[in-house]
Amino acid sequence: MKSESSRERIVRRAARELRDGFYVNLGIGMPTLVANHIPPGMTVILQSENGLLGIGPFPEEGNEDPDLINAGKQTITEVPGSAYFHSADSFAMIRGGHVDLTVLGGMEVDQEGNLANWMVPGKMVKGMGGAMDLVAGARRVVVMMTHTTKEGEPKILRKCRLPLTGLRVVHRIITDLAVIDVTEEGLVLKEVAPGVTSTQVRSATAADLRIDEANLRVFPA
């Protein structure tokens, strides 16, 4: 389930985490696509670590401004009222707890809410970026990722094996198979993707998973 359609499914479901008036930081990669799915009539202020508050949707081809980029060096647009500032001020906003929600990609998440998303030992690493600050400073952390690796190995584990980005920082995991919450009692399956059963989710998850079948929902296709 790693086709483009399932990727879009993850993005659309992640966009449902947005709330009117939220200040939000979207991590590099797939999370940046959430900017194109903000519900009509909702005001969400997107923040970038490189010093921009008020990011719009991605520009149409041919209308890109090479001087207007996000932290992942992708060309972006701005919305009326947007503001530019030093990256130090941007991180002061993050570290000061002024970001309501951050949505990041993940390599691994475990049942304690630990997140690994910045490096694989032995492979080239560009740098940590703002991930550690974001998971420590944002009020809510949502991780979006495929449920398994390309080789079919689970990415939701009892204990992360890769170097950690943050300890006990994840609130919700959104994958191509399910929506899972991290609670004090452990991982709880809240929603499944269309055509997916709780049994399939459990078999693809290498961690303890609580399932309340009576309250289990199917998230929109």
C-alpha atoms as a PDB file:
ATOM      1  CA  MET A   1       0.000   0.000   0.000  1.00  0.00           C
ATOM      2  CA  LYS A   2       2.628   2.519  -0.997  1.00  0.00           C
ATOM      3  CA  SER A   3       1.133   3.793  -4.245  1.00  0.00           C
ATOM      4  CA  GLU A   4       0.605   7.463  -4.973  1.00  0.00           C
ATOM      5  CA  SER A   5      -3.063   7.099  -4.030  1.00  0.00           C
ATOM      6  CA  SER A   6      -2.222   5.802  -0.548  1.00  0.00           C
ATOM      7  CA  ARG A   7       0.314   8.630  -0.167  1.00  0.00           C
ATOM      8  CA  GLU A   8      -2.424  11.129  -0.950  1.00  0.00           C
ATOM      9  CA  ARG A   9      -4.695   9.324   1.506  1.00  0.00           C
ATOM     10  CA  ILE A  10      -2.152   9.889   4.275  1.00  0.00           C
ATOM     11  CA  VAL A  11      -1.830  13.566   3.357  1.00  0.00           C
ATOM     12  CA  ARG A  12      -5.590  14.157   3.264  1.00  0.00           C
ATOM     13  CA  ARG A  13      -6.065  12.421   6.603  1.00  0.00           C
ATOM     14  CA  ALA A  14      -3.251  14.431   8.149  1.00  0.00           C
ATOM     15  CA  ALA A  15      -4.925  17.650   6.969  1.00  0.00           C
ATOM     16  CA  ARG A  16      -7.908  16.725   9.159  1.00  0.00           C
ATOM     17  CA  GLU A  17      -5.677  17.329  12.193  1.00  0.00           C
ATOM     18  CA  LEU A  18      -5.659  21.067  11.426  1.00  0.00           C
ATOM     19  CA  ARG A  19      -7.836  23.428  13.439  1.00  0.00           C
ATOM     20  CA  ASP A  20      -8.929  26.993  12.757  1.00  0.00           C
ATOM     21  CA  GLY A  21      -6.394  29.498  14.096  1.00  0.00           C
ATOM     22  CA  PHE A  22      -3.611  26.935  14.560  1.00  0.00           C
ATOM     23  CA  TYR A  23       0.051  27.842  14.078  1.00  0.00           C
ATOM     24  CA  VAL A  24       1.489  24.788  12.311  1.00  0.00           C
ATOM     25  CA  ASN A  25       4.905  23.590  11.193  1.00  0.00           C
ATOM     26  CA  LEU A  26       5.039  20.977   8.419  1.00  0.00           C
ATOM     27  CA  GLY A  27       8.144  18.797   8.200  1.00  0.00           C
ATOM     28  CA  ILE A  28      10.045  18.256   4.964  1.00  0.00           C
ATOM     29  CA  GLY A  29       8.892  15.631   2.477  1.00  0.00           C
ATOM     30  CA  MET A  30       5.347  14.292   2.488  1.00  0.00           C
ATOM     31  CA  PRO A  31       4.114  16.554   5.336  1.00  0.00           C
ATOM     32  CA  THR A  32       4.627  19.682   3.200  1.00  0.00           C
ATOM     33  CA  LEU A  33       1.809  18.466   0.920  1.00  0.00           C
ATOM     34  CA  VAL A  34      -0.658  19.075   3.757  1.00  0.00           C
ATOM     35  CA  ALA A  35      -0.446  22.780   2.817  1.00  0.00           C
ATOM     36  CA  ASN A  36      -2.489  21.985  -0.309  1.00  0.00           C
ATOM     37  CA  HIS A  37      -5.312  20.379   1.690  1.00  0.00           C
ATOM     38  CA  ILE A  38      -6.277  23.016   4.255  1.00  0.00           C
ATOM     39  CA  PRO A  39     -10.098  22.873   4.489  1.00  0.00           C
ATOM     40  CA  PRO A  40     -11.941  25.786   2.825  1.00  0.00           C
ATOM     41  CA  GLY A  41     -12.807  28.571   5.240  1.00  0.00           C
ATOM     42  CA  MET A  42     -10.204  27.484   7.787  1.00  0.00           C
ATOM     43  CA  THR A  43      -7.388  29.849   8.768  1.00  0.00           C
ATOM     44  CA  VAL A  44      -4.149  27.980   9.465  1.00  0.00           C
ATOM     45  CA  ILE A  45      -0.853  29.856   9.796  1.00  0.00           C
ATOM     46  CA  LEU A  46       2.031  27.763   8.501  1.00  0.00           C
ATOM     47  CA  GLN A  47       5.487  28.393   9.945  1.00  0.00           C
ATOM     48  CA  SER A  48       8.900  27.503   8.529  1.00  0.00           C
ATOM     49  CA  GLU A  49      12.149  27.217  10.498  1.00  0.00           C
ATOM     50  CA  ASN A  50      13.986  29.389   7.984  1.00  0.00           C
ATOM     51  CA  GLY A  51      11.923  32.397   9.022  1.00  0.00           C
ATOM     52  CA  LEU A  52       8.542  32.630   7.310  1.00  0.00           C
ATOM     53  CA  LEU A  53       5.140  32.785   8.934  1.00  0.00           C
ATOM     54  CA  GLY A  54       2.214  32.566   6.539  1.00  0.00           C
ATOM     55  CA  ILE A  55       3.013  29.927   3.904  1.00  0.00           C
ATOM     56  CA  GLY A  56       0.490  29.306   1.135  1.00  0.00           C
ATOM     57  CA  PRO A  57       0.015  26.291  -1.146  1.00  0.00           C
ATOM     58  CA  PHE A  58       2.768  25.171  -3.473  1.00  0.00           C
ATOM     59  CA  PRO A  59       3.109  27.408  -6.570  1.00  0.00           C
ATOM     60  CA  GLU A  60       1.802  26.312  -9.933  1.00  0.00           C
ATOM     61  CA  GLU A  61       4.415  25.314 -12.475  1.00  0.00           C
ATOM     62  CA  GLY A  62       5.864  28.399 -14.118  1.00  0.00           C
ATOM     63  CA  ASN A  63       4.953  30.703 -11.224  1.00  0.00           C
ATOM     64  CA  GLU A  64       7.751  29.680  -8.844  1.00  0.00           C
ATOM     65  CA  ASP A  65       9.793  32.368  -7.073  1.00  0.00           C
ATOM     66  CA  PRO A  66      13.308  30.945  -6.492  1.00  0.00           C
ATOM     67  CA  ASP A  67      13.826  33.366  -3.599  1.00  0.00           C
ATOM     68  CA  LEU A  68      10.763  32.098  -1.738  1.00  0.00           C
ATOM     69  CA  ILE A  69      11.520  28.695  -0.189  1.00  0.00           C
ATOM     70  CA  ASN A  70      10.713  26.613   2.874  1.00  0.00           C
ATOM     71  CA  ALA A  71      13.153  24.832   5.187  1.00  0.00           C
ATOM     72  CA  GLY A  72      13.334  21.939   2.726  1.00  0.00           C
ATOM     73  CA  LYS A  73      14.393  24.337  -0.062  1.00  0.00           C
ATOM     74  CA  GLN A  74      11.126  23.841  -1.948  1.00  0.00           C
ATOM     75  CA  THR A  75       9.598  26.836  -3.692  1.00  0.00           C
ATOM     76  CA  ILE A  76       6.442  28.023  -1.919  1.00  0.00           C
ATOM     77  CA  THR A  77       3.905  30.831  -1.915  1.00  0.00           C
ATOM     78  CA  GLU A  78       2.993  33.336   0.767  1.00  0.00           C
ATOM     79  CA  VAL A  79      -0.409  34.453   1.996  1.00  0.00           C
ATOM     80  CA  PRO A  80      -1.512  38.053   2.698  1.00  0.00           C
ATOM     81  CA  GLY A  81      -0.111  39.191   6.034  1.00  0.00           C
ATOM     82  CA  SER A  82       2.840  36.801   5.975  1.00  0.00           C
ATOM     83  CA  ALA A  83       5.986  37.814   7.858  1.00  0.00           C
ATOM     84  CA  TYR A  84       9.708  37.215   7.400  1.00  0.00           C
ATOM     85  CA  PHE A  85      12.173  37.054  10.291  1.00  0.00           C
ATOM     86  CA  HIS A  86      15.524  35.672  11.394  1.00  0.00           C
ATOM     87  CA  SER A  87      15.774  31.909  11.856  1.00  0.00           C
ATOM     88  CA  ALA A  88      16.761  32.550  15.483  1.00  0.00           C
ATOM     89  CA  ASP A  89      13.362  34.189  16.016  1.00  0.00           C
ATOM     90  CA  SER A  90      11.738  31.240  14.250  1.00  0.00           C
ATOM     91  CA  PHE A  91      13.344  28.795  16.681  1.00  0.00           C
ATOM     92  CA  ALA A  92      12.429  31.034  19.610  1.00  0.00           C
ATOM     93  CA  MET A  93       8.817  30.671  18.482  1.00  0.00           C
ATOM     94  CA  ILE A  94       9.200  26.880  18.338  1.00  0.00           C
ATOM     95  CA  ARG A  95      11.096  26.506  21.609  1.00  0.00           C
ATOM     96  CA  GLY A  96       8.742  28.900  23.352  1.00  0.00           C
ATOM     97  CA  GLY A  97       5.770  26.613  22.765  1.00  0.00           C
ATOM     98  CA  HIS A  98       4.019  28.879  20.260  1.00  0.00           C
ATOM     99  CA  VAL A  99       3.510  26.178  17.588  1.00  0.00           C
ATOM    100  CA  ASP A 100       0.174  24.404  18.103  1.00  0.00           C
ATOM    101  CA  LEU A 101       0.904  21.440  15.856  1.00  0.00           C
ATOM    102  CA  THR A 102       3.837  19.952  14.015  1.00  0.00           C
ATOM    103  CA  VAL A 103       3.384  17.248  11.377  1.00  0.00           C
ATOM    104  CA  LEU A 104       6.525  15.264  10.570  1.00  0.00           C
ATOM    105  CA  GLY A 105       7.586  12.184   8.679  1.00  0.00           C
ATOM    106  CA  GLY A 106       8.953   9.214  10.575  1.00  0.00           C
ATOM    107  CA  MET A 107      11.309   6.279  10.084  1.00  0.00           C
ATOM    108  CA  GLU A 108      10.259   4.604  13.342  1.00  0.00           C
ATOM    109  CA  VAL A 109       7.840   5.274  16.202  1.00  0.00           C
ATOM    110  CA  ASP A 110       7.549   3.028  19.235  1.00  0.00           C
ATOM    111  CA  GLN A 111       4.809   2.302  21.740  1.00  0.00           C
ATOM    112  CA  GLU A 112       6.163   4.876  24.198  1.00  0.00           C
ATOM    113  CA  GLY A 113       5.828   7.662  21.633  1.00  0.00           C
ATOM    114  CA  ASN A 114       9.553   7.848  20.912  1.00  0.00           C
ATOM    115  CA  LEU A 115      10.387   9.090  17.403  1.00  0.00           C
ATOM    116  CA  ALA A 116      13.305   8.343  15.079  1.00  0.00           C
ATOM    117  CA  ASN A 117      13.212  10.357  11.868  1.00  0.00           C
ATOM    118  CA  TRP A 118      16.546  11.993  11.178  1.00  0.00           C
ATOM    119  CA  MET A 119      19.269   9.479  10.341  1.00  0.00           C
ATOM    120  CA  VAL A 120      20.209   5.915   9.462  1.00  0.00           C
ATOM    121  CA  PRO A 121      23.683   4.988  10.762  1.00  0.00           C
ATOM    122  CA  GLY A 122      26.166   4.582   7.929  1.00  0.00           C
ATOM    123  CA  LYS A 123      24.192   6.701   5.473  1.00  0.00           C
ATOM    124  CA  MET A 124      24.835  10.315   4.533  1.00  0.00           C
ATOM    125  CA  VAL A 125      23.033  12.780   6.787  1.00  0.00           C
ATOM    126  CA  LYS A 126      22.429  16.394   5.746  1.00  0.00           C
ATOM    127  CA  GLY A 127      21.745  17.424   9.319  1.00  0.00           C
ATOM    128  CA  MET A 128      19.167  17.365  12.069  1.00  0.00           C
ATOM    129  CA  GLY A 129      17.372  20.498  10.927  1.00  0.00           C
ATOM    130  CA  GLY A 130      14.626  21.634  13.290  1.00  0.00           C
ATOM    131  CA  ALA A 131      13.135  18.230  14.088  1.00  0.00           C
ATOM    132  CA  MET A 132      14.426  17.953  17.673  1.00  0.00           C
ATOM    133  CA  ASP A 133      13.258  21.462  18.509  1.00  0.00           C
ATOM    134  CA  LEU A 134       9.868  20.891  16.917  1.00  0.00           C
ATOM    135  CA  VAL A 135       9.028  17.675  18.734  1.00  0.00           C
ATOM    136  CA  ALA A 136      10.175  19.182  22.028  1.00  0.00           C
ATOM    137  CA  GLY A 137       8.487  22.566  21.613  1.00  0.00           C
ATOM    138  CA  ALA A 138       5.251  21.998  19.683  1.00  0.00           C
ATOM    139  CA  ARG A 139       2.072  21.456  21.696  1.00  0.00           C
ATOM    140  CA  ARG A 140       1.016  18.463  19.573  1.00  0.00           C
ATOM    141  CA  VAL A 141       3.117  16.134  17.390  1.00  0.00           C
ATOM    142  CA  VAL A 142       1.612  14.065  14.576  1.00  0.00           C
ATOM    143  CA  VAL A 143       3.761  11.649  12.573  1.00  0.00           C
ATOM    144  CA  MET A 144       2.706  10.617   9.072  1.00  0.00           C
ATOM    145  CA  MET A 145       4.427   7.709   7.330  1.00  0.00           C
ATOM    146  CA  THR A 146       3.871   4.424   5.560  1.00  0.00           C
ATOM    147  CA  HIS A 147       3.055   1.646   8.025  1.00  0.00           C
ATOM    148  CA  THR A 148       5.937  -0.547   6.827  1.00  0.00           C
ATOM    149  CA  THR A 149       9.235  -0.122   4.980  1.00  0.00           C
ATOM    150  CA  LYS A 150       9.674  -0.891   1.280  1.00  0.00           C
ATOM    151  CA  GLU A 151      10.783  -4.352   2.399  1.00  0.00           C
ATOM    152  CA  GLY A 152       7.576  -4.826   4.381  1.00  0.00           C
ATOM    153  CA  GLU A 153       9.170  -4.419   7.814  1.00  0.00           C
ATOM    154  CA  PRO A 154       7.091  -2.672  10.516  1.00  0.00           C
ATOM    155  CA  LYS A 155       7.933   0.937  11.338  1.00  0.00           C
ATOM    156  CA  ILE A 156       5.820   0.991  14.521  1.00  0.00           C
ATOM    157  CA  LEU A 157       7.840  -0.913  17.099  1.00  0.00           C
ATOM    158  CA  ARG A 158       8.071  -1.851  20.760  1.00  0.00           C
ATOM    159  CA  LYS A 159      11.318   0.112  20.889  1.00  0.00           C
ATOM    160  CA  CYS A 160      12.938   2.320  18.248  1.00  0.00           C
ATOM    161  CA  ARG A 161      16.213   0.973  16.868  1.00  0.00           C
ATOM    162  CA  LEU A 162      17.399   4.089  15.033  1.00  0.00           C
ATOM    163  CA  PRO A 163      18.853   7.193  16.744  1.00  0.00           C
ATOM    164  CA  LEU A 164      16.039   9.095  18.438  1.00  0.00           C
ATOM    165  CA  THR A 165      14.730  12.516  17.549  1.00  0.00           C
ATOM    166  CA  GLY A 166      12.684  12.833  20.733  1.00  0.00           C
ATOM    167  CA  LEU A 167      11.559  10.850  23.782  1.00  0.00           C
ATOM    168  CA  ARG A 168       7.820  10.340  24.383  1.00  0.00           C
ATOM    169  CA  VAL A 169       6.888  13.160  22.021  1.00  0.00           C
ATOM    170  CA  VAL A 170       4.416  11.624  19.535  1.00  0.00           C
ATOM    171  CA  HIS A 171       0.688  12.068  20.110  1.00  0.00           C
ATOM    172  CA  ARG A 172      -0.729  10.496  16.926  1.00  0.00           C
ATOM    173  CA  ILE A 173       0.537   8.315  14.070  1.00  0.00           C
ATOM    174  CA  ILE A 174      -1.137   8.454  10.640  1.00  0.00           C
ATOM    175  CA  THR A 175      -0.200   5.775   8.107  1.00  0.00           C
ATOM    176  CA  ASP A 176      -1.566   4.312   4.900  1.00  0.00           C
ATOM    177  CA  LEU A 177      -3.296   1.653   7.036  1.00  0.00           C
ATOM    178  CA  ALA A 178      -4.430   3.372  10.207  1.00  0.00           C
ATOM    179  CA  VAL A 179      -4.600   6.192  12.714  1.00  0.00           C
ATOM    180  CA  ILE A 180      -3.005   5.233  16.032  1.00  0.00           C
ATOM    181  CA  ASP A 181      -2.867   7.313  19.218  1.00  0.00           C
ATOM    182  CA  VAL A 182      -0.082   7.170  21.770  1.00  0.00           C
ATOM    183  CA  THR A 183      -1.634   7.128  25.251  1.00  0.00           C
ATOM    184  CA  GLU A 184      -0.464   6.472  28.794  1.00  0.00           C
ATOM    185  CA  GLU A 185      -1.853   2.947  28.374  1.00  0.00           C
ATOM    186  CA  GLY A 186       0.067   2.406  25.116  1.00  0.00           C
ATOM    187  CA  LEU A 187      -0.868   2.480  21.433  1.00  0.00           C
ATOM    188  CA  VAL A 188      -4.582   2.617  20.619  1.00  0.00           C
ATOM    189  CA  LEU A 189      -6.003   1.948  17.158  1.00  0.00           C
ATOM    190  CA  LYS A 190      -8.517   4.716  16.407  1.00  0.00           C
ATOM    191  CA  GLU A 191      -9.173   4.443  12.651  1.00  0.00           C
ATOM    192  CA  VAL A 192      -8.439   2.131   9.743  1.00  0.00           C
ATOM    193  CA  ALA A 193      -8.108   2.987   6.067  1.00  0.00           C
ATOM    194  CA  PRO A 194     -10.891   1.934   3.669  1.00  0.00           C
ATOM    195  CA  GLY A 195     -10.673  -1.791   2.958  1.00  0.00           C
ATOM    196  CA  VAL A 196      -8.241  -2.408   5.823  1.00  0.00           C
ATOM    197  CA  THR A 197      -9.083  -4.557   8.855  1.00  0.00           C
ATOM    198  CA  SER A 198      -7.814  -4.251  12.402  1.00  0.00           C
ATOM    199  CA  THR A 199      -6.247  -7.692  11.970  1.00  0.00           C
ATOM    200  CA  GLN A 200      -4.156  -6.406   9.046  1.00  0.00           C
ATOM    201  CA  VAL A 201      -3.039  -3.410  11.079  1.00  0.00           C
ATOM    202  CA  ARG A 202      -2.076  -5.573  14.027  1.00  0.00           C
ATOM    203  CA  SER A 203      -0.038  -7.940  11.833  1.00  0.00           C
ATOM    204  CA  ALA A 204       1.852  -4.983  10.311  1.00  0.00           C
ATOM    205  CA  THR A 205       2.623  -3.482  13.730  1.00  0.00           C
ATOM    206  CA  ALA A 206       5.532  -4.744  15.846  1.00  0.00           C
ATOM    207  CA  ALA A 207       4.187  -3.261  19.086  1.00  0.00           C
ATOM    208  CA  ASP A 208       1.355  -3.840  21.529  1.00  0.00           C
ATOM    209  CA  LEU A 209      -1.829  -2.382  20.063  1.00  0.00           C
ATOM    210  CA  ARG A 210      -5.122  -1.871  21.865  1.00  0.00           C
ATOM    211  CA  ILE A 211      -8.220  -2.173  19.678  1.00  0.00           C
ATOM    212  CA  ASP A 212     -11.729  -1.113  20.608  1.00  0.00           C
ATOM    213  CA  GLU A 213     -13.716  -2.625  17.744  1.00  0.00           C
ATOM    214  CA  ALA A 214     -16.974  -0.996  18.895  1.00  0.00           C
ATOM    215  CA  ASN A 215     -15.527   2.513  18.445  1.00  0.00           C
ATOM    216  CA  LEU A 216     -13.220   1.846  15.503  1.00  0.00           C
ATOM    217  CA  ARG A 217     -13.772   4.234  12.576  1.00  0.00           C
ATOM    218  CA  VAL A 218     -12.840   4.202   8.890  1.00  0.00           C
ATOM    219  CA  PHE A 219     -11.109   7.364   7.764  1.00  0.00           C
ATOM    220  CA  PRO A 220     -12.153   8.988   4.453  1.00  0.00           C
ATOM    221  CA  ALA A 221     -10.781   7.602   1.212  1.00  0.00           C
END
